[in-house]
Amino acid sequence: MTRHFPELLALAALLAPIRLHAQAVADSGVFIVRHANDTVATESFSRTETGISGTLRVRNSKATSQWYSAVLAPDGTVPLIEVTLRQSGDSGRGKDKIVSRARVIFREDSAAVDEANDGGIRTYVFGTQRGAIPYLNLSFALLEQAVRQARSRSPASEVPLFNLGGGQTVDGKVSALGADSVSLAIGTVEYHLRLDPAGRVLGGRIPAQDVVVERTGGS
């Protein structure tokens, strides 16, 4: 059950970006997501030993983009993530409008969400599962982290996913499709993901939705 708490954080503190010690980028790239041969989203990302950051741009009437920065713990979990949602309704002309900013902190079986938007700043607490990985629709960099977590467990079958778009937690069920591919089922949605030996997502598809994703560039 969602509980509403008093506004405990100052707006300036919430909107300040996550500050991490500078590190060499261990991995980076761009995911291109297509539906029926039309590009519907692109995601540029970079990964270090302690964090993942990226920008997911969705091709819609509002030119939506979501910037995120997540902290990686030594065990591969994500204890904290910050997401900024921007929109530009004039085909990219002029300055983007910041619609909302949110910071999610995971503690044991709960997720505390501090959100700032036009209505002010609020804090919510959602129940979740220990070790839940944040899920952002069409973010394949975060899906890669979920798959890495599932494959590191014994048996390598499930990983909890916390939906950043609604606060629900669902199980991501991972199964092998072959030597270099896995299936990730999230509810009724099934992803087929192609991996390299290090566990990086190289591409994939959502068969039921005629969606294909490929990775380009990066290290």
N, C-alpha and C. Protein backbone atom coordinates (compact mmCIF):
# COMPACT_ATOMS: atom_id res chain seq x y z
N MET A 1 0.84 -1.19 0.00
CA MET A 1 0.00 0.00 0.00
C MET A 1 0.88 1.24 0.00
N THR A 2 0.54 2.22 -0.80
CA THR A 2 1.30 3.46 -0.88
C THR A 2 0.99 4.33 0.32
N ARG A 3 2.04 4.85 0.97
CA ARG A 3 1.84 5.76 2.09
C ARG A 3 2.41 7.11 1.72
N HIS A 4 1.73 8.19 2.11
CA HIS A 4 2.17 9.54 1.82
C HIS A 4 2.83 10.11 3.07
N PHE A 5 3.98 10.73 2.90
CA PHE A 5 4.73 11.25 4.01
C PHE A 5 4.91 12.75 3.86
N PRO A 6 5.19 13.47 4.96
CA PRO A 6 5.44 14.91 4.85
C PRO A 6 6.60 15.20 3.94
N GLU A 7 6.64 16.43 3.43
CA GLU A 7 7.70 16.84 2.51
C GLU A 7 8.94 17.12 3.34
N LEU A 8 9.84 16.15 3.36
CA LEU A 8 10.98 16.21 4.26
C LEU A 8 12.21 16.83 3.62
N LEU A 9 12.27 16.86 2.30
CA LEU A 9 13.47 17.32 1.62
C LEU A 9 13.23 18.69 1.02
N ALA A 10 14.24 19.53 1.08
CA ALA A 10 14.16 20.82 0.40
C ALA A 10 14.24 20.59 -1.10
N LEU A 11 13.55 21.47 -1.88
CA LEU A 11 13.51 21.30 -3.32
C LEU A 11 14.90 21.35 -3.92
N ALA A 12 15.73 22.24 -3.43
CA ALA A 12 17.09 22.36 -3.99
C ALA A 12 17.88 21.08 -3.79
N ALA A 13 17.68 20.43 -2.66
CA ALA A 13 18.41 19.19 -2.40
C ALA A 13 17.96 18.08 -3.33
N LEU A 14 16.65 18.00 -3.59
CA LEU A 14 16.15 16.95 -4.48
C LEU A 14 16.62 17.17 -5.90
N LEU A 15 16.61 18.40 -6.37
CA LEU A 15 16.94 18.67 -7.76
C LEU A 15 18.43 18.64 -8.02
N ALA A 16 19.25 18.61 -7.00
CA ALA A 16 20.69 18.51 -7.21
C ALA A 16 21.02 17.15 -7.78
N PRO A 17 21.80 17.07 -8.86
CA PRO A 17 22.10 15.78 -9.46
C PRO A 17 22.99 14.92 -8.58
N ILE A 18 22.92 13.62 -8.80
CA ILE A 18 23.77 12.69 -8.08
C ILE A 18 25.22 12.98 -8.40
N ARG A 19 26.05 13.07 -7.37
CA ARG A 19 27.47 13.32 -7.57
C ARG A 19 28.25 12.05 -7.28
N LEU A 20 28.95 11.55 -8.27
CA LEU A 20 29.76 10.36 -8.11
C LEU A 20 31.21 10.69 -8.37
N HIS A 21 32.10 9.93 -7.74
CA HIS A 21 33.51 10.12 -8.01
C HIS A 21 33.78 9.79 -9.48
N ALA A 22 34.63 10.59 -10.10
CA ALA A 22 34.94 10.37 -11.51
C ALA A 22 35.58 9.00 -11.71
N GLN A 23 35.11 8.29 -12.71
CA GLN A 23 35.65 6.97 -13.02
C GLN A 23 35.73 6.82 -14.52
N ALA A 24 36.65 5.98 -14.94
CA ALA A 24 36.73 5.67 -16.36
C ALA A 24 35.49 4.88 -16.77
N VAL A 25 34.93 5.21 -17.94
CA VAL A 25 33.76 4.51 -18.44
C VAL A 25 34.16 3.11 -18.87
N ALA A 26 33.49 2.11 -18.29
CA ALA A 26 33.79 0.72 -18.62
C ALA A 26 33.01 0.23 -19.82
N ASP A 27 31.90 0.88 -20.11
CA ASP A 27 31.04 0.45 -21.20
C ASP A 27 30.15 1.62 -21.59
N SER A 28 29.81 1.68 -22.87
CA SER A 28 28.91 2.73 -23.35
C SER A 28 28.33 2.30 -24.69
N GLY A 29 27.31 2.99 -25.12
CA GLY A 29 26.72 2.66 -26.41
C GLY A 29 25.39 3.35 -26.61
N VAL A 30 24.70 2.98 -27.68
CA VAL A 30 23.39 3.53 -28.01
C VAL A 30 22.48 2.37 -28.42
N PHE A 31 21.31 2.31 -27.81
CA PHE A 31 20.29 1.35 -28.23
C PHE A 31 19.28 2.07 -29.12
N ILE A 32 18.99 1.48 -30.27
CA ILE A 32 18.00 2.02 -31.19
C ILE A 32 16.81 1.07 -31.21
N VAL A 33 15.64 1.59 -30.87
CA VAL A 33 14.43 0.78 -30.76
C VAL A 33 13.52 1.09 -31.94
N ARG A 34 13.13 0.06 -32.68
CA ARG A 34 12.29 0.25 -33.86
C ARG A 34 11.01 -0.58 -33.75
N HIS A 35 9.94 0.00 -34.29
CA HIS A 35 8.67 -0.71 -34.40
C HIS A 35 8.24 -0.65 -35.86
N ALA A 36 8.11 -1.84 -36.46
CA ALA A 36 7.73 -1.92 -37.88
C ALA A 36 8.62 -1.02 -38.74
N ASN A 37 9.92 -1.07 -38.47
CA ASN A 37 10.95 -0.33 -39.23
C ASN A 37 11.01 1.16 -38.93
N ASP A 38 10.15 1.67 -38.07
CA ASP A 38 10.21 3.07 -37.66
C ASP A 38 10.93 3.18 -36.32
N THR A 39 11.87 4.10 -36.20
CA THR A 39 12.57 4.31 -34.94
C THR A 39 11.62 5.00 -33.96
N VAL A 40 11.39 4.35 -32.80
CA VAL A 40 10.48 4.92 -31.81
C VAL A 40 11.22 5.46 -30.59
N ALA A 41 12.47 5.03 -30.38
CA ALA A 41 13.23 5.51 -29.23
C ALA A 41 14.71 5.24 -29.45
N THR A 42 15.53 6.08 -28.82
CA THR A 42 16.97 5.84 -28.76
C THR A 42 17.42 6.04 -27.32
N GLU A 43 18.41 5.26 -26.93
CA GLU A 43 18.94 5.37 -25.56
C GLU A 43 20.46 5.37 -25.62
N SER A 44 21.07 6.47 -25.22
CA SER A 44 22.52 6.53 -25.09
C SER A 44 22.86 6.33 -23.61
N PHE A 45 23.88 5.56 -23.33
CA PHE A 45 24.18 5.24 -21.93
C PHE A 45 25.68 5.03 -21.74
N SER A 46 26.10 5.10 -20.49
CA SER A 46 27.47 4.75 -20.12
C SER A 46 27.44 4.06 -18.77
N ARG A 47 28.39 3.17 -18.55
CA ARG A 47 28.45 2.38 -17.33
C ARG A 47 29.87 2.42 -16.76
N THR A 48 29.97 2.56 -15.45
CA THR A 48 31.23 2.40 -14.74
C THR A 48 31.05 1.29 -13.73
N GLU A 49 32.03 1.05 -12.90
CA GLU A 49 31.91 0.02 -11.88
C GLU A 49 30.86 0.39 -10.84
N THR A 50 30.58 1.67 -10.68
CA THR A 50 29.68 2.11 -9.60
C THR A 50 28.41 2.80 -10.08
N GLY A 51 28.19 2.87 -11.40
CA GLY A 51 26.99 3.57 -11.83
C GLY A 51 26.64 3.37 -13.29
N ILE A 52 25.38 3.66 -13.61
CA ILE A 52 24.88 3.68 -14.99
C ILE A 52 24.15 5.01 -15.18
N SER A 53 24.42 5.68 -16.29
CA SER A 53 23.67 6.89 -16.61
C SER A 53 23.32 6.86 -18.08
N GLY A 54 22.24 7.55 -18.42
CA GLY A 54 21.84 7.55 -19.83
C GLY A 54 20.70 8.51 -20.09
N THR A 55 20.38 8.65 -21.37
CA THR A 55 19.24 9.46 -21.80
C THR A 55 18.41 8.65 -22.78
N LEU A 56 17.14 8.50 -22.45
CA LEU A 56 16.20 7.77 -23.29
C LEU A 56 15.29 8.78 -23.98
N ARG A 57 15.35 8.83 -25.30
CA ARG A 57 14.54 9.77 -26.08
C ARG A 57 13.47 9.00 -26.85
N VAL A 58 12.23 9.39 -26.63
CA VAL A 58 11.09 8.73 -27.27
C VAL A 58 10.53 9.64 -28.35
N ARG A 59 10.32 9.11 -29.55
CA ARG A 59 9.78 9.90 -30.65
C ARG A 59 8.27 9.92 -30.57
N ASN A 60 7.73 10.95 -29.95
CA ASN A 60 6.29 11.15 -29.86
C ASN A 60 5.98 12.63 -30.04
N SER A 61 4.73 13.00 -29.91
CA SER A 61 4.33 14.38 -30.19
C SER A 61 4.94 15.37 -29.21
N LYS A 62 5.35 14.91 -28.04
CA LYS A 62 5.93 15.79 -27.03
C LYS A 62 7.44 15.68 -26.94
N ALA A 63 8.04 14.89 -27.85
CA ALA A 63 9.49 14.71 -27.85
C ALA A 63 10.01 14.42 -26.44
N THR A 64 9.48 13.39 -25.84
CA THR A 64 9.81 13.06 -24.46
C THR A 64 11.23 12.52 -24.34
N SER A 65 11.95 12.96 -23.31
CA SER A 65 13.25 12.39 -23.01
C SER A 65 13.35 12.18 -21.50
N GLN A 66 14.04 11.12 -21.12
CA GLN A 66 14.24 10.82 -19.70
C GLN A 66 15.72 10.60 -19.46
N TRP A 67 16.29 11.47 -18.64
CA TRP A 67 17.69 11.30 -18.22
C TRP A 67 17.70 10.56 -16.89
N TYR A 68 18.59 9.60 -16.75
CA TYR A 68 18.67 8.86 -15.49
C TYR A 68 20.12 8.67 -15.08
N SER A 69 20.31 8.52 -13.79
CA SER A 69 21.62 8.22 -13.23
C SER A 69 21.40 7.29 -12.05
N ALA A 70 22.01 6.11 -12.10
CA ALA A 70 21.79 5.08 -11.08
C ALA A 70 23.11 4.69 -10.44
N VAL A 71 23.06 4.42 -9.17
CA VAL A 71 24.22 3.94 -8.42
C VAL A 71 24.21 2.41 -8.42
N LEU A 72 25.36 1.80 -8.71
CA LEU A 72 25.50 0.35 -8.66
C LEU A 72 26.26 -0.05 -7.41
N ALA A 73 25.69 -0.96 -6.63
CA ALA A 73 26.37 -1.49 -5.45
C ALA A 73 27.30 -2.63 -5.87
N PRO A 74 28.25 -3.01 -5.02
CA PRO A 74 29.17 -4.10 -5.37
C PRO A 74 28.47 -5.41 -5.71
N ASP A 75 27.27 -5.64 -5.14
CA ASP A 75 26.55 -6.89 -5.44
C ASP A 75 25.67 -6.79 -6.68
N GLY A 76 25.75 -5.66 -7.41
CA GLY A 76 24.98 -5.51 -8.64
C GLY A 76 23.60 -4.94 -8.46
N THR A 77 23.19 -4.68 -7.22
CA THR A 77 21.90 -4.06 -6.99
C THR A 77 21.99 -2.55 -7.26
N VAL A 78 20.83 -1.90 -7.31
CA VAL A 78 20.76 -0.46 -7.59
C VAL A 78 20.11 0.23 -6.39
N PRO A 79 20.90 0.74 -5.45
CA PRO A 79 20.31 1.34 -4.25
C PRO A 79 19.68 2.70 -4.48
N LEU A 80 20.02 3.38 -5.58
CA LEU A 80 19.53 4.73 -5.81
C LEU A 80 19.50 5.03 -7.29
N ILE A 81 18.44 5.70 -7.74
CA ILE A 81 18.36 6.16 -9.12
C ILE A 81 17.63 7.50 -9.15
N GLU A 82 18.07 8.37 -10.04
CA GLU A 82 17.43 9.66 -10.25
C GLU A 82 16.98 9.75 -11.71
N VAL A 83 15.76 10.25 -11.93
CA VAL A 83 15.21 10.35 -13.28
C VAL A 83 14.64 11.75 -13.49
N THR A 84 15.00 12.38 -14.61
CA THR A 84 14.45 13.68 -14.98
C THR A 84 13.69 13.53 -16.29
N LEU A 85 12.41 13.92 -16.28
CA LEU A 85 11.55 13.83 -17.46
C LEU A 85 11.44 15.21 -18.10
N ARG A 86 11.77 15.27 -19.40
CA ARG A 86 11.66 16.52 -20.16
C ARG A 86 10.74 16.31 -21.35
N GLN A 87 10.11 17.40 -21.79
CA GLN A 87 9.27 17.38 -22.98
C GLN A 87 9.52 18.62 -23.81
N SER A 88 9.37 18.46 -25.13
CA SER A 88 9.47 19.59 -26.04
C SER A 88 8.41 19.40 -27.10
N GLY A 89 7.33 20.16 -27.02
CA GLY A 89 6.20 19.96 -27.92
C GLY A 89 6.30 20.70 -29.22
N ASP A 90 7.46 21.31 -29.51
CA ASP A 90 7.59 22.11 -30.74
C ASP A 90 8.68 21.57 -31.64
N SER A 91 8.72 20.22 -31.76
CA SER A 91 9.67 19.54 -32.66
C SER A 91 11.13 19.88 -32.34
N GLY A 92 11.41 20.08 -31.07
CA GLY A 92 12.78 20.29 -30.67
C GLY A 92 13.25 21.73 -30.70
N ARG A 93 12.39 22.65 -31.12
CA ARG A 93 12.79 24.06 -31.16
C ARG A 93 12.62 24.69 -29.78
N GLY A 94 13.59 25.47 -29.37
CA GLY A 94 13.51 26.11 -28.07
C GLY A 94 13.97 25.19 -26.95
N LYS A 95 13.81 25.66 -25.73
CA LYS A 95 14.29 24.94 -24.56
C LYS A 95 13.29 23.89 -24.12
N ASP A 96 13.81 22.71 -23.74
CA ASP A 96 12.93 21.66 -23.24
C ASP A 96 12.32 22.07 -21.90
N LYS A 97 11.12 21.56 -21.65
CA LYS A 97 10.45 21.79 -20.38
C LYS A 97 10.71 20.60 -19.46
N ILE A 98 11.18 20.88 -18.24
CA ILE A 98 11.35 19.83 -17.26
C ILE A 98 9.98 19.56 -16.62
N VAL A 99 9.47 18.37 -16.85
CA VAL A 99 8.15 18.01 -16.34
C VAL A 99 8.22 17.53 -14.90
N SER A 100 9.22 16.71 -14.61
CA SER A 100 9.36 16.19 -13.24
C SER A 100 10.77 15.69 -13.01
N ARG A 101 11.13 15.66 -11.76
CA ARG A 101 12.39 15.04 -11.34
C ARG A 101 12.08 14.15 -10.14
N ALA A 102 12.67 12.97 -10.14
CA ALA A 102 12.41 12.02 -9.06
C ALA A 102 13.69 11.33 -8.64
N ARG A 103 13.79 11.05 -7.37
CA ARG A 103 14.90 10.27 -6.82
C ARG A 103 14.31 9.11 -6.05
N VAL A 104 14.80 7.90 -6.34
CA VAL A 104 14.29 6.69 -5.70
C VAL A 104 15.42 6.05 -4.90
N ILE A 105 15.17 5.81 -3.62
CA ILE A 105 16.15 5.16 -2.76
C ILE A 105 15.55 3.83 -2.29
N PHE A 106 16.28 2.74 -2.53
CA PHE A 106 15.83 1.41 -2.16
C PHE A 106 16.45 1.00 -0.83
N ARG A 107 15.60 0.58 0.10
CA ARG A 107 16.06 0.09 1.41
C ARG A 107 15.31 -1.19 1.73
N GLU A 108 16.03 -2.29 1.82
CA GLU A 108 15.44 -3.57 2.15
C GLU A 108 14.21 -3.84 1.27
N ASP A 109 12.99 -3.81 1.83
CA ASP A 109 11.79 -4.14 1.05
C ASP A 109 10.93 -2.92 0.78
N SER A 110 11.54 -1.73 0.68
CA SER A 110 10.78 -0.52 0.38
C SER A 110 11.55 0.37 -0.57
N ALA A 111 10.82 1.25 -1.25
CA ALA A 111 11.42 2.23 -2.16
C ALA A 111 10.82 3.59 -1.82
N ALA A 112 11.68 4.53 -1.42
CA ALA A 112 11.25 5.89 -1.10
C ALA A 112 11.45 6.76 -2.34
N VAL A 113 10.37 7.41 -2.79
CA VAL A 113 10.40 8.21 -4.01
C VAL A 113 10.17 9.67 -3.65
N ASP A 114 11.15 10.53 -3.93
CA ASP A 114 11.01 11.97 -3.79
C ASP A 114 10.79 12.54 -5.19
N GLU A 115 9.65 13.18 -5.41
CA GLU A 115 9.30 13.68 -6.73
C GLU A 115 8.99 15.17 -6.69
N ALA A 116 9.55 15.92 -7.64
CA ALA A 116 9.28 17.35 -7.77
C ALA A 116 8.68 17.60 -9.14
N ASN A 117 7.55 18.33 -9.18
CA ASN A 117 6.93 18.71 -10.44
C ASN A 117 6.19 20.03 -10.22
N ASP A 118 5.32 20.39 -11.15
CA ASP A 118 4.60 21.67 -11.04
C ASP A 118 3.74 21.75 -9.78
N GLY A 119 3.37 20.61 -9.25
CA GLY A 119 2.53 20.59 -8.06
C GLY A 119 3.31 20.69 -6.76
N GLY A 120 4.64 20.77 -6.85
CA GLY A 120 5.47 20.85 -5.65
C GLY A 120 6.33 19.62 -5.49
N ILE A 121 6.67 19.32 -4.26
CA ILE A 121 7.53 18.19 -3.96
C ILE A 121 6.83 17.25 -3.00
N ARG A 122 6.88 15.97 -3.29
CA ARG A 122 6.23 14.97 -2.45
C ARG A 122 7.15 13.78 -2.26
N THR A 123 6.94 13.07 -1.16
CA THR A 123 7.66 11.83 -0.88
C THR A 123 6.65 10.71 -0.74
N TYR A 124 6.91 9.60 -1.43
CA TYR A 124 6.06 8.42 -1.36
C TYR A 124 6.93 7.23 -0.96
N VAL A 125 6.33 6.26 -0.31
CA VAL A 125 7.04 5.02 0.01
C VAL A 125 6.22 3.86 -0.52
N PHE A 126 6.88 3.02 -1.33
CA PHE A 126 6.23 1.85 -1.92
C PHE A 126 6.86 0.58 -1.35
N GLY A 127 6.07 -0.43 -1.15
CA GLY A 127 6.61 -1.73 -0.81
C GLY A 127 7.22 -2.36 -2.06
N THR A 128 8.33 -3.07 -1.89
CA THR A 128 8.98 -3.74 -3.01
C THR A 128 9.68 -4.98 -2.49
N GLN A 129 10.60 -5.53 -3.27
CA GLN A 129 11.35 -6.69 -2.85
C GLN A 129 12.83 -6.33 -2.72
N ARG A 130 13.50 -6.97 -1.81
CA ARG A 130 14.93 -6.74 -1.62
C ARG A 130 15.68 -7.01 -2.93
N GLY A 131 16.54 -6.07 -3.31
CA GLY A 131 17.34 -6.24 -4.52
C GLY A 131 16.62 -5.90 -5.80
N ALA A 132 15.47 -5.23 -5.71
CA ALA A 132 14.72 -4.87 -6.92
C ALA A 132 15.53 -3.94 -7.82
N ILE A 133 15.45 -4.18 -9.13
CA ILE A 133 16.13 -3.35 -10.12
C ILE A 133 15.09 -2.39 -10.72
N PRO A 134 15.41 -1.10 -10.84
CA PRO A 134 14.44 -0.17 -11.43
C PRO A 134 14.17 -0.48 -12.89
N TYR A 135 12.89 -0.40 -13.27
CA TYR A 135 12.46 -0.66 -14.65
C TYR A 135 11.93 0.63 -15.24
N LEU A 136 12.51 1.04 -16.37
CA LEU A 136 12.08 2.22 -17.12
C LEU A 136 11.71 1.75 -18.51
N ASN A 137 10.47 1.94 -18.90
CA ASN A 137 9.99 1.40 -20.18
C ASN A 137 10.89 1.82 -21.34
N LEU A 138 11.34 0.85 -22.13
CA LEU A 138 12.21 1.00 -23.30
C LEU A 138 13.67 1.28 -22.95
N SER A 139 14.05 1.22 -21.66
CA SER A 139 15.47 1.35 -21.31
C SER A 139 16.11 -0.04 -21.31
N PHE A 140 16.94 -0.29 -22.30
CA PHE A 140 17.60 -1.59 -22.40
C PHE A 140 18.88 -1.65 -21.57
N ALA A 141 19.45 -0.51 -21.23
CA ALA A 141 20.60 -0.49 -20.34
C ALA A 141 20.20 -0.97 -18.94
N LEU A 142 19.03 -0.54 -18.46
CA LEU A 142 18.56 -1.01 -17.17
C LEU A 142 18.07 -2.46 -17.23
N LEU A 143 17.50 -2.86 -18.37
CA LEU A 143 17.13 -4.27 -18.54
C LEU A 143 18.38 -5.16 -18.50
N GLU A 144 19.46 -4.67 -19.08
CA GLU A 144 20.72 -5.43 -19.04
C GLU A 144 21.14 -5.68 -17.60
N GLN A 145 21.01 -4.66 -16.74
CA GLN A 145 21.38 -4.85 -15.34
C GLN A 145 20.49 -5.89 -14.67
N ALA A 146 19.22 -5.90 -15.02
CA ALA A 146 18.31 -6.91 -14.47
C ALA A 146 18.71 -8.31 -14.90
N VAL A 147 19.08 -8.46 -16.17
CA VAL A 147 19.50 -9.78 -16.67
C VAL A 147 20.80 -10.21 -15.99
N ARG A 148 21.73 -9.29 -15.82
CA ARG A 148 22.98 -9.61 -15.12
C ARG A 148 22.69 -10.13 -13.70
N GLN A 149 21.75 -9.45 -13.02
CA GLN A 149 21.40 -9.88 -11.67
C GLN A 149 20.78 -11.26 -11.66
N ALA A 150 19.86 -11.50 -12.56
CA ALA A 150 19.20 -12.81 -12.61
C ALA A 150 20.20 -13.92 -12.89
N ARG A 151 21.12 -13.68 -13.80
CA ARG A 151 22.09 -14.71 -14.17
C ARG A 151 23.14 -14.95 -13.09
N SER A 152 23.31 -13.99 -12.19
CA SER A 152 24.28 -14.15 -11.10
C SER A 152 23.72 -14.95 -9.94
N ARG A 153 22.41 -15.19 -9.94
CA ARG A 153 21.76 -15.90 -8.85
C ARG A 153 21.72 -17.39 -9.13
N SER A 154 21.44 -18.16 -8.09
CA SER A 154 21.31 -19.60 -8.24
C SER A 154 19.99 -20.04 -7.60
N PRO A 155 19.05 -20.55 -8.38
CA PRO A 155 19.11 -20.68 -9.83
C PRO A 155 18.90 -19.35 -10.54
N ALA A 156 19.46 -19.23 -11.72
CA ALA A 156 19.35 -17.97 -12.49
C ALA A 156 18.01 -17.94 -13.19
N SER A 157 16.98 -17.46 -12.48
CA SER A 157 15.65 -17.53 -13.08
C SER A 157 14.82 -16.26 -12.92
N GLU A 158 14.93 -15.55 -11.78
CA GLU A 158 14.06 -14.41 -11.55
C GLU A 158 14.81 -13.25 -10.92
N VAL A 159 14.31 -12.04 -11.19
CA VAL A 159 14.81 -10.84 -10.54
C VAL A 159 13.64 -9.89 -10.38
N PRO A 160 13.46 -9.28 -9.19
CA PRO A 160 12.35 -8.33 -9.02
C PRO A 160 12.65 -7.02 -9.73
N LEU A 161 11.62 -6.44 -10.34
CA LEU A 161 11.74 -5.18 -11.07
C LEU A 161 10.76 -4.17 -10.49
N PHE A 162 11.27 -2.98 -10.16
CA PHE A 162 10.43 -1.90 -9.63
C PHE A 162 10.10 -0.94 -10.75
N ASN A 163 8.82 -0.84 -11.08
CA ASN A 163 8.36 -0.01 -12.20
C ASN A 163 8.41 1.47 -11.81
N LEU A 164 9.32 2.23 -12.42
CA LEU A 164 9.45 3.64 -12.12
C LEU A 164 8.23 4.43 -12.57
N GLY A 165 7.44 3.86 -13.47
CA GLY A 165 6.27 4.56 -13.97
C GLY A 165 5.03 4.40 -13.13
N GLY A 166 5.06 3.53 -12.11
CA GLY A 166 3.84 3.32 -11.34
C GLY A 166 4.05 2.81 -9.93
N GLY A 167 5.27 2.35 -9.62
CA GLY A 167 5.56 1.89 -8.27
C GLY A 167 5.29 0.43 -8.01
N GLN A 168 4.85 -0.32 -9.04
CA GLN A 168 4.60 -1.74 -8.84
C GLN A 168 5.91 -2.52 -8.93
N THR A 169 5.94 -3.67 -8.26
CA THR A 169 7.07 -4.57 -8.37
C THR A 169 6.60 -5.88 -8.99
N VAL A 170 7.28 -6.31 -10.04
CA VAL A 170 6.95 -7.57 -10.72
C VAL A 170 8.22 -8.39 -10.87
N ASP A 171 8.06 -9.69 -11.05
CA ASP A 171 9.20 -10.57 -11.26
C ASP A 171 9.57 -10.62 -12.74
N GLY A 172 10.84 -10.45 -13.04
CA GLY A 172 11.35 -10.69 -14.37
C GLY A 172 11.89 -12.11 -14.43
N LYS A 173 11.32 -12.93 -15.29
CA LYS A 173 11.70 -14.34 -15.36
C LYS A 173 12.64 -14.55 -16.55
N VAL A 174 13.83 -15.02 -16.25
CA VAL A 174 14.87 -15.19 -17.27
C VAL A 174 15.07 -16.66 -17.57
N SER A 175 15.13 -16.99 -18.86
CA SER A 175 15.41 -18.36 -19.29
C SER A 175 16.28 -18.32 -20.54
N ALA A 176 17.07 -19.35 -20.74
CA ALA A 176 17.99 -19.40 -21.88
C ALA A 176 17.23 -19.68 -23.17
N LEU A 177 17.65 -18.99 -24.24
CA LEU A 177 17.11 -19.26 -25.59
C LEU A 177 18.15 -19.93 -26.46
N GLY A 178 19.36 -19.95 -26.02
CA GLY A 178 20.47 -20.51 -26.79
C GLY A 178 21.77 -20.13 -26.12
N ALA A 179 22.87 -20.37 -26.83
CA ALA A 179 24.18 -20.09 -26.23
C ALA A 179 24.41 -18.62 -25.97
N ASP A 180 23.79 -17.75 -26.77
CA ASP A 180 24.06 -16.32 -26.63
C ASP A 180 22.80 -15.48 -26.47
N SER A 181 21.67 -16.08 -26.08
CA SER A 181 20.42 -15.32 -25.97
C SER A 181 19.62 -15.78 -24.76
N VAL A 182 18.80 -14.86 -24.23
CA VAL A 182 17.90 -15.19 -23.13
C VAL A 182 16.53 -14.61 -23.41
N SER A 183 15.54 -15.17 -22.75
CA SER A 183 14.19 -14.61 -22.73
C SER A 183 13.99 -13.96 -21.37
N LEU A 184 13.46 -12.74 -21.37
CA LEU A 184 13.11 -12.04 -20.14
C LEU A 184 11.62 -11.75 -20.20
N ALA A 185 10.85 -12.42 -19.35
CA ALA A 185 9.40 -12.24 -19.33
C ALA A 185 9.02 -11.35 -18.15
N ILE A 186 8.34 -10.23 -18.46
CA ILE A 186 7.86 -9.30 -17.44
C ILE A 186 6.35 -9.23 -17.60
N GLY A 187 5.64 -9.92 -16.75
CA GLY A 187 4.20 -10.02 -16.93
C GLY A 187 3.89 -10.72 -18.24
N THR A 188 3.10 -10.08 -19.09
CA THR A 188 2.75 -10.67 -20.38
C THR A 188 3.70 -10.25 -21.50
N VAL A 189 4.70 -9.43 -21.17
CA VAL A 189 5.66 -8.95 -22.18
C VAL A 189 6.91 -9.81 -22.12
N GLU A 190 7.34 -10.31 -23.28
CA GLU A 190 8.53 -11.15 -23.34
C GLU A 190 9.57 -10.50 -24.25
N TYR A 191 10.77 -10.32 -23.70
CA TYR A 191 11.90 -9.80 -24.45
C TYR A 191 12.83 -10.95 -24.83
N HIS A 192 13.30 -10.96 -26.06
CA HIS A 192 14.36 -11.87 -26.49
C HIS A 192 15.62 -11.03 -26.66
N LEU A 193 16.64 -11.31 -25.84
CA LEU A 193 17.83 -10.48 -25.79
C LEU A 193 19.07 -11.28 -26.16
N ARG A 194 19.88 -10.70 -27.05
CA ARG A 194 21.14 -11.33 -27.46
C ARG A 194 22.27 -10.73 -26.63
N LEU A 195 23.10 -11.61 -26.04
CA LEU A 195 24.15 -11.18 -25.12
C LEU A 195 25.52 -11.57 -25.64
N ASP A 196 26.54 -10.80 -25.22
CA ASP A 196 27.91 -11.22 -25.48
C ASP A 196 28.41 -12.00 -24.26
N PRO A 197 29.62 -12.59 -24.29
CA PRO A 197 30.09 -13.40 -23.16
C PRO A 197 30.16 -12.65 -21.84
N ALA A 198 30.30 -11.31 -21.90
CA ALA A 198 30.37 -10.51 -20.67
C ALA A 198 29.00 -10.18 -20.11
N GLY A 199 27.92 -10.56 -20.83
CA GLY A 199 26.58 -10.29 -20.36
C GLY A 199 25.99 -8.98 -20.87
N ARG A 200 26.67 -8.31 -21.80
CA ARG A 200 26.14 -7.07 -22.37
C ARG A 200 25.05 -7.39 -23.39
N VAL A 201 23.99 -6.59 -23.39
CA VAL A 201 22.93 -6.74 -24.38
C VAL A 201 23.40 -6.15 -25.70
N LEU A 202 23.41 -6.96 -26.74
CA LEU A 202 23.83 -6.52 -28.07
C LEU A 202 22.65 -6.18 -28.98
N GLY A 203 21.48 -6.66 -28.60
CA GLY A 203 20.29 -6.41 -29.40
C GLY A 203 19.18 -7.32 -28.92
N GLY A 204 18.03 -7.22 -29.55
CA GLY A 204 16.93 -8.07 -29.16
C GLY A 204 15.63 -7.66 -29.81
N ARG A 205 14.54 -8.22 -29.31
CA ARG A 205 13.23 -7.90 -29.87
C ARG A 205 12.14 -8.25 -28.87
N ILE A 206 10.98 -7.65 -29.10
CA ILE A 206 9.75 -8.00 -28.37
C ILE A 206 8.83 -8.60 -29.42
N PRO A 207 8.82 -9.92 -29.59
CA PRO A 207 8.12 -10.55 -30.71
C PRO A 207 6.66 -10.17 -30.83
N ALA A 208 5.92 -10.12 -29.73
CA ALA A 208 4.48 -9.86 -29.79
C ALA A 208 4.16 -8.43 -30.22
N GLN A 209 5.13 -7.52 -30.12
CA GLN A 209 4.88 -6.11 -30.44
C GLN A 209 5.60 -5.65 -31.70
N ASP A 210 6.26 -6.56 -32.39
CA ASP A 210 7.00 -6.21 -33.60
C ASP A 210 8.03 -5.12 -33.32
N VAL A 211 8.69 -5.24 -32.16
CA VAL A 211 9.71 -4.28 -31.75
C VAL A 211 11.08 -4.94 -31.84
N VAL A 212 12.04 -4.22 -32.43
CA VAL A 212 13.42 -4.71 -32.56
C VAL A 212 14.35 -3.66 -31.98
N VAL A 213 15.39 -4.10 -31.28
CA VAL A 213 16.38 -3.18 -30.72
C VAL A 213 17.77 -3.64 -31.15
N GLU A 214 18.62 -2.67 -31.48
CA GLU A 214 20.01 -2.98 -31.78
C GLU A 214 20.91 -2.01 -31.06
N ARG A 215 22.08 -2.49 -30.73
CA ARG A 215 23.07 -1.66 -30.05
C ARG A 215 24.13 -1.22 -31.04
N THR A 216 24.50 0.05 -30.96
CA THR A 216 25.55 0.58 -31.83
C THR A 216 26.57 1.33 -31.01
N GLY A 217 27.77 1.48 -31.58
CA GLY A 217 28.81 2.31 -30.99
C GLY A 217 29.24 1.84 -29.62
N GLY A 218 29.97 2.71 -28.94
CA GLY A 218 30.41 2.44 -27.58
C GLY A 218 31.62 1.57 -27.52
N SER A 219 32.00 1.24 -26.29
CA SER A 219 33.20 0.43 -26.05
C SER A 219 32.85 -1.02 -25.85
